[in-house]
Amino acid sequence: MLPQSMAAELIIMSVLRVFCSAFRIQFSADAIFSRELDDGLVSRIPGYFHTRSHIVTEGQPLDLDDIVREFAQRVEAFTKRGSGYVLDEVVRLSFNVIKYRPLTGSSYLPTPEWLRKKKMLH
């Protein structure tokens, strides 16, 4: 059986490859944090996180471990502020995808005759 992260990566990559050969993907998550108050009650607050945009191509596959690491860093930064809140659950995980077309040179434009006659270009 495949590890869960590898299975998720295979599903995402298979579906997206049908639509385009290169794309940018960004993940976002909504989470609930909680902490126990002095009077015994539990305080709950929402947290919203997103990853940077990742470019995925044939030569640059999606690295889900990197995405998980990114979320973990953001959650840790959120909880390190001394609030005492801990992550309870991830309520929603989503991703946005756009087709990626890298800039490439695709044509040759000859130097205009008047500029070539100046003999300033090598």
PDB file of N, CA and C in Angstrom:
ATOM      1  N   MET A   1       0.843  -1.187   0.000  1.00  0.00           N
ATOM      2  CA  MET A   1       0.000   0.000   0.000  1.00  0.00           C
ATOM      3  C   MET A   1       0.885   1.246   0.000  1.00  0.00           C
ATOM      4  N   LEU A   2       0.487   2.261  -0.780  1.00  0.00           N
ATOM      5  CA  LEU A   2       1.239   3.511  -0.868  1.00  0.00           C
ATOM      6  C   LEU A   2       1.063   4.348   0.382  1.00  0.00           C
ATOM      7  N   PRO A   3       2.120   5.069   0.809  1.00  0.00           N
ATOM      8  CA  PRO A   3       1.937   6.034   1.904  1.00  0.00           C
ATOM      9  C   PRO A   3       0.908   7.083   1.482  1.00  0.00           C
ATOM     10  N   GLN A   4       0.195   7.632   2.445  1.00  0.00           N
ATOM     11  CA  GLN A   4      -0.889   8.567   2.151  1.00  0.00           C
ATOM     12  C   GLN A   4      -0.415   9.766   1.345  1.00  0.00           C
ATOM     13  N   SER A   5       0.744  10.344   1.686  1.00  0.00           N
ATOM     14  CA  SER A   5       1.220  11.520   0.962  1.00  0.00           C
ATOM     15  C   SER A   5       1.564  11.174  -0.481  1.00  0.00           C
ATOM     16  N   MET A   6       2.119   9.985  -0.708  1.00  0.00           N
ATOM     17  CA  MET A   6       2.467   9.586  -2.068  1.00  0.00           C
ATOM     18  C   MET A   6       1.199   9.347  -2.887  1.00  0.00           C
ATOM     19  N   ALA A   7       0.193   8.739  -2.293  1.00  0.00           N
ATOM     20  CA  ALA A   7      -1.073   8.500  -2.985  1.00  0.00           C
ATOM     21  C   ALA A   7      -1.730   9.832  -3.354  1.00  0.00           C
ATOM     22  N   ALA A   8      -1.728  10.788  -2.429  1.00  0.00           N
ATOM     23  CA  ALA A   8      -2.310  12.102  -2.705  1.00  0.00           C
ATOM     24  C   ALA A   8      -1.566  12.791  -3.843  1.00  0.00           C
ATOM     25  N   GLU A   9      -0.244  12.689  -3.825  1.00  0.00           N
ATOM     26  CA  GLU A   9       0.557  13.309  -4.880  1.00  0.00           C
ATOM     27  C   GLU A   9       0.255  12.682  -6.235  1.00  0.00           C
ATOM     28  N   LEU A  10       0.130  11.359  -6.285  1.00  0.00           N
ATOM     29  CA  LEU A  10      -0.173  10.678  -7.541  1.00  0.00           C
ATOM     30  C   LEU A  10      -1.541  11.085  -8.082  1.00  0.00           C
ATOM     31  N   ILE A  11      -2.516  11.216  -7.214  1.00  0.00           N
ATOM     32  CA  ILE A  11      -3.850  11.624  -7.638  1.00  0.00           C
ATOM     33  C   ILE A  11      -3.825  13.039  -8.193  1.00  0.00           C
ATOM     34  N   ILE A  12      -3.211  13.963  -7.456  1.00  0.00           N
ATOM     35  CA  ILE A  12      -3.139  15.358  -7.902  1.00  0.00           C
ATOM     36  C   ILE A  12      -2.420  15.455  -9.240  1.00  0.00           C
ATOM     37  N   MET A  13      -1.272  14.806  -9.335  1.00  0.00           N
ATOM     38  CA  MET A  13      -0.478  14.890 -10.560  1.00  0.00           C
ATOM     39  C   MET A  13      -1.213  14.268 -11.742  1.00  0.00           C
ATOM     40  N   SER A  14      -1.875  13.148 -11.542  1.00  0.00           N
ATOM     41  CA  SER A  14      -2.588  12.489 -12.631  1.00  0.00           C
ATOM     42  C   SER A  14      -3.723  13.347 -13.160  1.00  0.00           C
ATOM     43  N   VAL A  15      -4.494  13.906 -12.259  1.00  0.00           N
ATOM     44  CA  VAL A  15      -5.626  14.742 -12.672  1.00  0.00           C
ATOM     45  C   VAL A  15      -5.140  15.995 -13.389  1.00  0.00           C
ATOM     46  N   LEU A  16      -4.128  16.647 -12.843  1.00  0.00           N
ATOM     47  CA  LEU A  16      -3.673  17.905 -13.418  1.00  0.00           C
ATOM     48  C   LEU A  16      -2.931  17.723 -14.733  1.00  0.00           C
ATOM     49  N   ARG A  17      -2.236  16.628 -14.903  1.00  0.00           N
ATOM     50  CA  ARG A  17      -1.520  16.383 -16.160  1.00  0.00           C
ATOM     51  C   ARG A  17      -2.487  16.253 -17.331  1.00  0.00           C
ATOM     52  N   VAL A  18      -3.724  15.865 -17.065  1.00  0.00           N
ATOM     53  CA  VAL A  18      -4.727  15.776 -18.120  1.00  0.00           C
ATOM     54  C   VAL A  18      -4.995  17.161 -18.696  1.00  0.00           C
ATOM     55  N   PHE A  19      -4.969  18.180 -17.864  1.00  0.00           N
ATOM     56  CA  PHE A  19      -5.339  19.522 -18.284  1.00  0.00           C
ATOM     57  C   PHE A  19      -4.170  20.343 -18.827  1.00  0.00           C
ATOM     58  N   CYS A  20      -2.986  20.150 -18.308  1.00  0.00           N
ATOM     59  CA  CYS A  20      -1.844  20.933 -18.775  1.00  0.00           C
ATOM     60  C   CYS A  20      -0.543  20.254 -18.359  1.00  0.00           C
ATOM     61  N   SER A  21       0.531  20.583 -19.070  1.00  0.00           N
ATOM     62  CA  SER A  21       1.810  19.945 -18.773  1.00  0.00           C
ATOM     63  C   SER A  21       2.593  20.679 -17.688  1.00  0.00           C
ATOM     64  N   ALA A  22       2.313  21.957 -17.487  1.00  0.00           N
ATOM     65  CA  ALA A  22       2.973  22.731 -16.440  1.00  0.00           C
ATOM     66  C   ALA A  22       1.930  23.604 -15.752  1.00  0.00           C
ATOM     67  N   PHE A  23       2.043  23.726 -14.429  1.00  0.00           N
ATOM     68  CA  PHE A  23       1.064  24.532 -13.699  1.00  0.00           C
ATOM     69  C   PHE A  23       1.675  25.078 -12.422  1.00  0.00           C
ATOM     70  N   ARG A  24       0.999  26.083 -11.853  1.00  0.00           N
ATOM     71  CA  ARG A  24       1.340  26.633 -10.540  1.00  0.00           C
ATOM     72  C   ARG A  24       0.230  26.208  -9.599  1.00  0.00           C
ATOM     73  N   ILE A  25       0.629  25.812  -8.401  1.00  0.00           N
ATOM     74  CA  ILE A  25      -0.354  25.344  -7.428  1.00  0.00           C
ATOM     75  C   ILE A  25      -0.068  25.979  -6.069  1.00  0.00           C
ATOM     76  N   GLN A  26      -1.134  26.365  -5.388  1.00  0.00           N
ATOM     77  CA  GLN A  26      -1.016  26.944  -4.054  1.00  0.00           C
ATOM     78  C   GLN A  26      -2.058  26.288  -3.156  1.00  0.00           C
ATOM     79  N   PHE A  27      -1.633  25.848  -1.994  1.00  0.00           N
ATOM     80  CA  PHE A  27      -2.521  25.191  -1.047  1.00  0.00           C
ATOM     81  C   PHE A  27      -2.940  26.174   0.049  1.00  0.00           C
ATOM     82  N   SER A  28      -4.156  25.997   0.563  1.00  0.00           N
ATOM     83  CA  SER A  28      -4.603  26.799   1.702  1.00  0.00           C
ATOM     84  C   SER A  28      -5.349  25.881   2.670  1.00  0.00           C
ATOM     85  N   ALA A  29      -5.327  26.269   3.942  1.00  0.00           N
ATOM     86  CA  ALA A  29      -5.967  25.460   4.978  1.00  0.00           C
ATOM     87  C   ALA A  29      -6.649  26.366   5.993  1.00  0.00           C
ATOM     88  N   ASP A  30      -7.813  25.932   6.443  1.00  0.00           N
ATOM     89  CA  ASP A  30      -8.525  26.575   7.545  1.00  0.00           C
ATOM     90  C   ASP A  30      -8.442  25.610   8.719  1.00  0.00           C
ATOM     91  N   ALA A  31      -8.066  26.123   9.872  1.00  0.00           N
ATOM     92  CA  ALA A  31      -7.861  25.260  11.034  1.00  0.00           C
ATOM     93  C   ALA A  31      -8.544  25.851  12.263  1.00  0.00           C
ATOM     94  N   ILE A  32      -8.730  25.022  13.252  1.00  0.00           N
ATOM     95  CA  ILE A  32      -9.287  25.447  14.540  1.00  0.00           C
ATOM     96  C   ILE A  32      -8.219  25.208  15.609  1.00  0.00           C
ATOM     97  N   PHE A  33      -7.976  26.246  16.407  1.00  0.00           N
ATOM     98  CA  PHE A  33      -7.040  26.170  17.523  1.00  0.00           C
ATOM     99  C   PHE A  33      -7.829  26.315  18.817  1.00  0.00           C
ATOM    100  N   SER A  34      -7.333  25.705  19.881  1.00  0.00           N
ATOM    101  CA  SER A  34      -8.029  25.824  21.162  1.00  0.00           C
ATOM    102  C   SER A  34      -7.022  25.934  22.300  1.00  0.00           C
ATOM    103  N   ARG A  35      -7.513  26.444  23.407  1.00  0.00           N
ATOM    104  CA  ARG A  35      -6.734  26.467  24.646  1.00  0.00           C
ATOM    105  C   ARG A  35      -7.704  26.498  25.809  1.00  0.00           C
ATOM    106  N   GLU A  36      -7.253  25.932  26.923  1.00  0.00           N
ATOM    107  CA  GLU A  36      -8.084  25.925  28.118  1.00  0.00           C
ATOM    108  C   GLU A  36      -7.844  27.216  28.891  1.00  0.00           C
ATOM    109  N   LEU A  37      -8.918  27.852  29.280  1.00  0.00           N
ATOM    110  CA  LEU A  37      -8.836  29.094  30.040  1.00  0.00           C
ATOM    111  C   LEU A  37      -8.719  28.792  31.534  1.00  0.00           C
ATOM    112  N   ASP A  38      -8.405  29.820  32.318  1.00  0.00           N
ATOM    113  CA  ASP A  38      -8.227  29.655  33.767  1.00  0.00           C
ATOM    114  C   ASP A  38      -9.474  29.120  34.458  1.00  0.00           C
ATOM    115  N   ASP A  39     -10.659  29.487  33.942  1.00  0.00           N
ATOM    116  CA  ASP A  39     -11.915  29.058  34.574  1.00  0.00           C
ATOM    117  C   ASP A  39     -12.381  27.678  34.095  1.00  0.00           C
ATOM    118  N   GLY A  40     -11.534  26.982  33.307  1.00  0.00           N
ATOM    119  CA  GLY A  40     -11.873  25.636  32.855  1.00  0.00           C
ATOM    120  C   GLY A  40     -12.581  25.587  31.517  1.00  0.00           C
ATOM    121  N   LEU A  41     -13.013  26.727  31.020  1.00  0.00           N
ATOM    122  CA  LEU A  41     -13.662  26.763  29.711  1.00  0.00           C
ATOM    123  C   LEU A  41     -12.605  26.635  28.609  1.00  0.00           C
ATOM    124  N   VAL A  42     -13.051  26.262  27.420  1.00  0.00           N
ATOM    125  CA  VAL A  42     -12.149  26.107  26.284  1.00  0.00           C
ATOM    126  C   VAL A  42     -12.436  27.209  25.272  1.00  0.00           C
ATOM    127  N   SER A  43     -11.394  27.905  24.889  1.00  0.00           N
ATOM    128  CA  SER A  43     -11.500  28.959  23.879  1.00  0.00           C
ATOM    129  C   SER A  43     -11.062  28.381  22.536  1.00  0.00           C
ATOM    130  N   ARG A  44     -11.841  28.631  21.505  1.00  0.00           N
ATOM    131  CA  ARG A  44     -11.508  28.155  20.157  1.00  0.00           C
ATOM    132  C   ARG A  44     -11.433  29.351  19.206  1.00  0.00           C
ATOM    133  N   ILE A  45     -10.398  29.334  18.344  1.00  0.00           N
ATOM    134  CA  ILE A  45     -10.263  30.395  17.345  1.00  0.00           C
ATOM    135  C   ILE A  45      -9.872  29.766  15.997  1.00  0.00           C
ATOM    136  N   PRO A  46     -10.270  30.402  14.908  1.00  0.00           N
ATOM    137  CA  PRO A  46      -9.881  29.889  13.595  1.00  0.00           C
ATOM    138  C   PRO A  46      -8.480  30.377  13.208  1.00  0.00           C
ATOM    139  N   GLY A  47      -7.829  29.631  12.354  1.00  0.00           N
ATOM    140  CA  GLY A  47      -6.546  30.029  11.789  1.00  0.00           C
ATOM    141  C   GLY A  47      -6.563  29.752  10.298  1.00  0.00           C
ATOM    142  N   TYR A  48      -5.991  30.655   9.521  1.00  0.00           N
ATOM    143  CA  TYR A  48      -5.990  30.528   8.065  1.00  0.00           C
ATOM    144  C   TYR A  48      -4.550  30.562   7.574  1.00  0.00           C
ATOM    145  N   PHE A  49      -4.181  29.576   6.778  1.00  0.00           N
ATOM    146  CA  PHE A  49      -2.805  29.452   6.316  1.00  0.00           C
ATOM    147  C   PHE A  49      -2.774  29.145   4.824  1.00  0.00           C
ATOM    148  N   HIS A  50      -1.690  29.538   4.179  1.00  0.00           N
ATOM    149  CA  HIS A  50      -1.503  29.195   2.771  1.00  0.00           C
ATOM    150  C   HIS A  50      -0.018  28.987   2.494  1.00  0.00           C
ATOM    151  N   THR A  51       0.256  28.248   1.438  1.00  0.00           N
ATOM    152  CA  THR A  51       1.637  28.027   1.033  1.00  0.00           C
ATOM    153  C   THR A  51       2.003  29.045  -0.040  1.00  0.00           C
ATOM    154  N   ARG A  52       3.275  29.087  -0.344  1.00  0.00           N
ATOM    155  CA  ARG A  52       3.694  29.888  -1.492  1.00  0.00           C
ATOM    156  C   ARG A  52       3.254  29.135  -2.747  1.00  0.00           C
ATOM    157  N   SER A  53       3.302  29.780  -3.849  1.00  0.00           N
ATOM    158  CA  SER A  53       2.927  29.165  -5.113  1.00  0.00           C
ATOM    159  C   SER A  53       4.059  28.248  -5.588  1.00  0.00           C
ATOM    160  N   HIS A  54       3.727  27.020  -5.947  1.00  0.00           N
ATOM    161  CA  HIS A  54       4.708  26.044  -6.416  1.00  0.00           C
ATOM    162  C   HIS A  54       4.538  25.829  -7.918  1.00  0.00           C
ATOM    163  N   ILE A  55       5.634  25.847  -8.651  1.00  0.00           N
ATOM    164  CA  ILE A  55       5.615  25.569 -10.079  1.00  0.00           C
ATOM    165  C   ILE A  55       5.884  24.082 -10.268  1.00  0.00           C
ATOM    166  N   VAL A  56       5.023  23.432 -11.039  1.00  0.00           N
ATOM    167  CA  VAL A  56       5.140  21.999 -11.287  1.00  0.00           C
ATOM    168  C   VAL A  56       5.265  21.771 -12.788  1.00  0.00           C
ATOM    169  N   THR A  57       6.329  21.078 -13.185  1.00  0.00           N
ATOM    170  CA  THR A  57       6.553  20.740 -14.591  1.00  0.00           C
ATOM    171  C   THR A  57       7.014  19.287 -14.668  1.00  0.00           C
ATOM    172  N   GLU A  58       7.297  18.833 -15.889  1.00  0.00           N
ATOM    173  CA  GLU A  58       7.806  17.463 -16.056  1.00  0.00           C
ATOM    174  C   GLU A  58       9.095  17.263 -15.259  1.00  0.00           C
ATOM    175  N   GLY A  59       9.975  18.244 -15.287  1.00  0.00           N
ATOM    176  CA  GLY A  59      11.262  18.131 -14.607  1.00  0.00           C
ATOM    177  C   GLY A  59      11.252  18.586 -13.167  1.00  0.00           C
ATOM    178  N   GLN A  60      10.162  19.163 -12.708  1.00  0.00           N
ATOM    179  CA  GLN A  60      10.062  19.693 -11.347  1.00  0.00           C
ATOM    180  C   GLN A  60       8.749  19.218 -10.728  1.00  0.00           C
ATOM    181  N   PRO A  61       8.717  18.006 -10.177  1.00  0.00           N
ATOM    182  CA  PRO A  61       7.471  17.448  -9.642  1.00  0.00           C
ATOM    183  C   PRO A  61       7.024  18.143  -8.357  1.00  0.00           C
ATOM    184  N   LEU A  62       5.778  17.923  -8.019  1.00  0.00           N
ATOM    185  CA  LEU A  62       5.204  18.470  -6.793  1.00  0.00           C
ATOM    186  C   LEU A  62       5.802  17.745  -5.591  1.00  0.00           C
ATOM    187  N   ASP A  63       6.272  18.497  -4.612  1.00  0.00           N
ATOM    188  CA  ASP A  63       6.865  17.931  -3.412  1.00  0.00           C
ATOM    189  C   ASP A  63       5.914  18.161  -2.237  1.00  0.00           C
ATOM    190  N   LEU A  64       5.067  17.176  -1.953  1.00  0.00           N
ATOM    191  CA  LEU A  64       4.091  17.321  -0.872  1.00  0.00           C
ATOM    192  C   LEU A  64       4.754  17.420   0.497  1.00  0.00           C
ATOM    193  N   ASP A  65       5.915  16.803   0.655  1.00  0.00           N
ATOM    194  CA  ASP A  65       6.631  16.918   1.934  1.00  0.00           C
ATOM    195  C   ASP A  65       7.015  18.372   2.197  1.00  0.00           C
ATOM    196  N   ASP A  66       7.400  19.090   1.148  1.00  0.00           N
ATOM    197  CA  ASP A  66       7.738  20.504   1.270  1.00  0.00           C
ATOM    198  C   ASP A  66       6.502  21.318   1.656  1.00  0.00           C
ATOM    199  N   ILE A  67       5.362  20.968   1.104  1.00  0.00           N
ATOM    200  CA  ILE A  67       4.110  21.679   1.406  1.00  0.00           C
ATOM    201  C   ILE A  67       3.710  21.437   2.864  1.00  0.00           C
ATOM    202  N   VAL A  68       3.822  20.198   3.312  1.00  0.00           N
ATOM    203  CA  VAL A  68       3.510  19.877   4.717  1.00  0.00           C
ATOM    204  C   VAL A  68       4.451  20.630   5.645  1.00  0.00           C
ATOM    205  N   ARG A  69       5.735  20.675   5.283  1.00  0.00           N
ATOM    206  CA  ARG A  69       6.737  21.399   6.080  1.00  0.00           C
ATOM    207  C   ARG A  69       6.384  22.896   6.153  1.00  0.00           C
ATOM    208  N   GLU A  70       5.933  23.444   5.025  1.00  0.00           N
ATOM    209  CA  GLU A  70       5.556  24.857   4.984  1.00  0.00           C
ATOM    210  C   GLU A  70       4.379  25.144   5.920  1.00  0.00           C
ATOM    211  N   PHE A  71       3.350  24.286   5.864  1.00  0.00           N
ATOM    212  CA  PHE A  71       2.202  24.447   6.768  1.00  0.00           C
ATOM    213  C   PHE A  71       2.647  24.320   8.224  1.00  0.00           C
ATOM    214  N   ALA A  72       3.491  23.354   8.511  1.00  0.00           N
ATOM    215  CA  ALA A  72       3.958  23.139   9.888  1.00  0.00           C
ATOM    216  C   ALA A  72       4.697  24.372  10.412  1.00  0.00           C
ATOM    217  N   GLN A  73       5.509  24.997   9.568  1.00  0.00           N
ATOM    218  CA  GLN A  73       6.226  26.211   9.976  1.00  0.00           C
ATOM    219  C   GLN A  73       5.263  27.351  10.269  1.00  0.00           C
ATOM    220  N   ARG A  74       4.232  27.482   9.457  1.00  0.00           N
ATOM    221  CA  ARG A  74       3.265  28.558   9.670  1.00  0.00           C
ATOM    222  C   ARG A  74       2.438  28.330  10.946  1.00  0.00           C
ATOM    223  N   VAL A  75       2.056  27.089  11.178  1.00  0.00           N
ATOM    224  CA  VAL A  75       1.313  26.763  12.405  1.00  0.00           C
ATOM    225  C   VAL A  75       2.203  26.993  13.618  1.00  0.00           C
ATOM    226  N   GLU A  76       3.458  26.577  13.532  1.00  0.00           N
ATOM    227  CA  GLU A  76       4.387  26.780  14.646  1.00  0.00           C
ATOM    228  C   GLU A  76       4.595  28.270  14.933  1.00  0.00           C
ATOM    229  N   ALA A  77       4.723  29.079  13.879  1.00  0.00           N
ATOM    230  CA  ALA A  77       4.880  30.523  14.062  1.00  0.00           C
ATOM    231  C   ALA A  77       3.633  31.113  14.736  1.00  0.00           C
ATOM    232  N   PHE A  78       2.469  30.588  14.376  1.00  0.00           N
ATOM    233  CA  PHE A  78       1.207  31.052  14.952  1.00  0.00           C
ATOM    234  C   PHE A  78       1.122  30.702  16.437  1.00  0.00           C
ATOM    235  N   THR A  79       1.522  29.493  16.797  1.00  0.00           N
ATOM    236  CA  THR A  79       1.399  29.051  18.191  1.00  0.00           C
ATOM    237  C   THR A  79       2.543  29.539  19.069  1.00  0.00           C
ATOM    238  N   LYS A  80       3.658  29.973  18.482  1.00  0.00           N
ATOM    239  CA  LYS A  80       4.808  30.446  19.267  1.00  0.00           C
ATOM    240  C   LYS A  80       4.605  31.843  19.835  1.00  0.00           C
ATOM    241  N   ARG A  81       3.566  32.503  19.473  1.00  0.00           N
ATOM    242  CA  ARG A  81       3.356  33.886  19.919  1.00  0.00           C
ATOM    243  C   ARG A  81       2.943  33.962  21.385  1.00  0.00           C
ATOM    244  N   GLY A  82       2.992  32.850  22.088  1.00  0.00           N
ATOM    245  CA  GLY A  82       2.687  32.867  23.517  1.00  0.00           C
ATOM    246  C   GLY A  82       1.213  32.809  23.834  1.00  0.00           C
ATOM    247  N   SER A  83       0.397  32.476  22.863  1.00  0.00           N
ATOM    248  CA  SER A  83      -1.044  32.466  23.086  1.00  0.00           C
ATOM    249  C   SER A  83      -1.515  31.234  23.845  1.00  0.00           C
ATOM    250  N   GLY A  84      -0.742  30.154  23.763  1.00  0.00           N
ATOM    251  CA  GLY A  84      -1.161  28.929  24.430  1.00  0.00           C
ATOM    252  C   GLY A  84      -2.119  28.092  23.592  1.00  0.00           C
ATOM    253  N   TYR A  85      -2.467  28.549  22.407  1.00  0.00           N
ATOM    254  CA  TYR A  85      -3.366  27.790  21.533  1.00  0.00           C
ATOM    255  C   TYR A  85      -2.622  26.638  20.884  1.00  0.00           C
ATOM    256  N   VAL A  86      -3.343  25.516  20.722  1.00  0.00           N
ATOM    257  CA  VAL A  86      -2.801  24.354  20.029  1.00  0.00           C
ATOM    258  C   VAL A  86      -3.753  23.977  18.894  1.00  0.00           C
ATOM    259  N   LEU A  87      -3.198  23.377  17.861  1.00  0.00           N
ATOM    260  CA  LEU A  87      -3.992  22.976  16.708  1.00  0.00           C
ATOM    261  C   LEU A  87      -4.921  21.836  17.082  1.00  0.00           C
ATOM    262  N   ASP A  88      -6.226  22.030  16.869  1.00  0.00           N
ATOM    263  CA  ASP A  88      -7.220  20.982  17.123  1.00  0.00           C
ATOM    264  C   ASP A  88      -7.502  20.179  15.869  1.00  0.00           C
ATOM    265  N   GLU A  89      -7.831  20.890  14.803  1.00  0.00           N
ATOM    266  CA  GLU A  89      -8.189  20.195  13.572  1.00  0.00           C
ATOM    267  C   GLU A  89      -8.025  21.105  12.359  1.00  0.00           C
ATOM    268  N   VAL A  90      -7.810  20.471  11.220  1.00  0.00           N
ATOM    269  CA  VAL A  90      -7.819  21.186   9.943  1.00  0.00           C
ATOM    270  C   VAL A  90      -9.213  20.988   9.378  1.00  0.00           C
ATOM    271  N   VAL A  91      -9.939  22.090   9.231  1.00  0.00           N
ATOM    272  CA  VAL A  91     -11.331  22.033   8.800  1.00  0.00           C
ATOM    273  C   VAL A  91     -11.442  21.912   7.286  1.00  0.00           C
ATOM    274  N   ARG A  92     -10.561  22.594   6.576  1.00  0.00           N
ATOM    275  CA  ARG A  92     -10.628  22.606   5.117  1.00  0.00           C
ATOM    276  C   ARG A  92      -9.220  22.690   4.552  1.00  0.00           C
ATOM    277  N   LEU A  93      -8.965  21.896   3.530  1.00  0.00           N
ATOM    278  CA  LEU A  93      -7.703  21.958   2.802  1.00  0.00           C
ATOM    279  C   LEU A  93      -8.057  22.053   1.324  1.00  0.00           C
ATOM    280  N   SER A  94      -7.564  23.074   0.660  1.00  0.00           N
ATOM    281  CA  SER A  94      -7.886  23.254  -0.757  1.00  0.00           C
ATOM    282  C   SER A  94      -6.647  23.682  -1.521  1.00  0.00           C
ATOM    283  N   PHE A  95      -6.741  23.617  -2.837  1.00  0.00           N
ATOM    284  CA  PHE A  95      -5.630  24.092  -3.655  1.00  0.00           C
ATOM    285  C   PHE A  95      -6.171  24.793  -4.891  1.00  0.00           C
ATOM    286  N   ASN A  96      -5.436  25.792  -5.333  1.00  0.00           N
ATOM    287  CA  ASN A  96      -5.750  26.534  -6.549  1.00  0.00           C
ATOM    288  C   ASN A  96      -4.682  26.228  -7.584  1.00  0.00           C
ATOM    289  N   VAL A  97      -5.116  26.036  -8.811  1.00  0.00           N
ATOM    290  CA  VAL A  97      -4.201  25.676  -9.883  1.00  0.00           C
ATOM    291  C   VAL A  97      -4.409  26.613 -11.056  1.00  0.00           C
ATOM    292  N   ILE A  98      -3.294  27.062 -11.639  1.00  0.00           N
ATOM    293  CA  ILE A  98      -3.370  27.818 -12.880  1.00  0.00           C
ATOM    294  C   ILE A  98      -2.336  27.248 -13.843  1.00  0.00           C
ATOM    295  N   LYS A  99      -2.659  27.333 -15.117  1.00  0.00           N
ATOM    296  CA  LYS A  99      -1.730  26.853 -16.136  1.00  0.00           C
ATOM    297  C   LYS A  99      -0.491  27.731 -16.105  1.00  0.00           C
ATOM    298  N   TYR A 100       0.648  27.116 -16.263  1.00  0.00           N
ATOM    299  CA  TYR A 100       1.921  27.834 -16.217  1.00  0.00           C
ATOM    300  C   TYR A 100       2.582  27.754 -17.580  1.00  0.00           C
ATOM    301  N   ARG A 101       2.901  28.910 -18.127  1.00  0.00           N
ATOM    302  CA  ARG A 101       3.605  28.981 -19.399  1.00  0.00           C
ATOM    303  C   ARG A 101       4.856  29.823 -19.190  1.00  0.00           C
ATOM    304  N   PRO A 102       5.994  29.169 -18.995  1.00  0.00           N
ATOM    305  CA  PRO A 102       7.228  29.931 -18.751  1.00  0.00           C
ATOM    306  C   PRO A 102       7.599  30.767 -19.973  1.00  0.00           C
ATOM    307  N   LEU A 103       8.224  31.894 -19.700  1.00  0.00           N
ATOM    308  CA  LEU A 103       8.668  32.755 -20.789  1.00  0.00           C
ATOM    309  C   LEU A 103       9.852  32.100 -21.485  1.00  0.00           C
ATOM    310  N   THR A 104       9.769  32.007 -22.784  1.00  0.00           N
ATOM    311  CA  THR A 104      10.877  31.452 -23.558  1.00  0.00           C
ATOM    312  C   THR A 104      11.031  32.246 -24.839  1.00  0.00           C
ATOM    313  N   GLY A 105      12.247  32.339 -25.312  1.00  0.00           N
ATOM    314  CA  GLY A 105      12.483  32.974 -26.601  1.00  0.00           C
ATOM    315  C   GLY A 105      12.077  32.018 -27.703  1.00  0.00           C
ATOM    316  N   SER A 106      11.322  32.507 -28.667  1.00  0.00           N
ATOM    317  CA  SER A 106      10.841  31.575 -29.681  1.00  0.00           C
ATOM    318  C   SER A 106      11.030  32.087 -31.107  1.00  0.00           C
ATOM    319  N   SER A 107      11.650  33.247 -31.269  1.00  0.00           N
ATOM    320  CA  SER A 107      11.810  33.736 -32.637  1.00  0.00           C
ATOM    321  C   SER A 107      13.084  34.572 -32.752  1.00  0.00           C
ATOM    322  N   TYR A 108      13.518  34.732 -33.981  1.00  0.00           N
ATOM    323  CA  TYR A 108      14.703  35.528 -34.273  1.00  0.00           C
ATOM    324  C   TYR A 108      14.264  36.776 -35.022  1.00  0.00           C
ATOM    325  N   LEU A 109      14.685  37.918 -34.541  1.00  0.00           N
ATOM    326  CA  LEU A 109      14.396  39.176 -35.233  1.00  0.00           C
ATOM    327  C   LEU A 109      15.717  39.738 -35.746  1.00  0.00           C
ATOM    328  N   PRO A 110      15.845  39.897 -37.043  1.00  0.00           N
ATOM    329  CA  PRO A 110      17.099  40.426 -37.581  1.00  0.00           C
ATOM    330  C   PRO A 110      17.293  41.887 -37.186  1.00  0.00           C
ATOM    331  N   THR A 111      18.564  42.275 -37.054  1.00  0.00           N
ATOM    332  CA  THR A 111      18.889  43.662 -36.735  1.00  0.00           C
ATOM    333  C   THR A 111      18.503  44.526 -37.938  1.00  0.00           C
ATOM    334  N   PRO A 112      17.812  45.628 -37.697  1.00  0.00           N
ATOM    335  CA  PRO A 112      17.420  46.489 -38.818  1.00  0.00           C
ATOM    336  C   PRO A 112      18.653  46.965 -39.600  1.00  0.00           C
ATOM    337  N   GLU A 113      18.482  47.109 -40.913  1.00  0.00           N
ATOM    338  CA  GLU A 113      19.566  47.483 -41.822  1.00  0.00           C
ATOM    339  C   GLU A 113      20.230  48.785 -41.403  1.00  0.00           C
ATOM    340  N   TRP A 114      19.463  49.798 -41.030  1.00  0.00           N
ATOM    341  CA  TRP A 114      20.034  51.100 -40.676  1.00  0.00           C
ATOM    342  C   TRP A 114      20.938  51.002 -39.446  1.00  0.00           C
ATOM    343  N   LEU A 115      20.594  50.084 -38.521  1.00  0.00           N
ATOM    344  CA  LEU A 115      21.399  49.909 -37.325  1.00  0.00           C
ATOM    345  C   LEU A 115      22.656  49.082 -37.628  1.00  0.00           C
ATOM    346  N   ARG A 116      22.512  48.099 -38.487  1.00  0.00           N
ATOM    347  CA  ARG A 116      23.651  47.275 -38.873  1.00  0.00           C
ATOM    348  C   ARG A 116      24.712  48.110 -39.592  1.00  0.00           C
ATOM    349  N   LYS A 117      24.304  49.098 -40.389  1.00  0.00           N
ATOM    350  CA  LYS A 117      25.242  49.937 -41.157  1.00  0.00           C
ATOM    351  C   LYS A 117      26.070  50.843 -40.261  1.00  0.00           C
ATOM    352  N   LYS A 118      25.613  51.098 -39.068  1.00  0.00           N
ATOM    353  CA  LYS A 118      26.369  51.953 -38.130  1.00  0.00           C
ATOM    354  C   LYS A 118      27.608  51.237 -37.603  1.00  0.00           C
ATOM    355  N   LYS A 119      27.653  49.939 -37.720  1.00  0.00           N
ATOM    356  CA  LYS A 119      28.796  49.113 -37.293  1.00  0.00           C
ATOM    357  C   LYS A 119      29.124  49.307 -35.810  1.00  0.00           C
ATOM    358  N   MET A 120      28.092  49.529 -35.029  1.00  0.00           N
ATOM    359  CA  MET A 120      28.256  49.675 -33.580  1.00  0.00           C
ATOM    360  C   MET A 120      28.007  48.362 -32.853  1.00  0.00           C
ATOM    361  N   LEU A 121      27.403  47.433 -33.551  1.00  0.00           N
ATOM    362  CA  LEU A 121      27.069  46.153 -32.930  1.00  0.00           C
ATOM    363  C   LEU A 121      28.047  45.081 -33.411  1.00  0.00           C
ATOM    364  N   HIS A 122      28.389  44.169 -32.555  1.00  0.00           N
ATOM    365  CA  HIS A 122      29.309  43.084 -32.930  1.00  0.00           C
ATOM    366  C   HIS A 122      28.542  41.809 -33.118  1.00  0.00           C
TER     367      HIS A 122
END
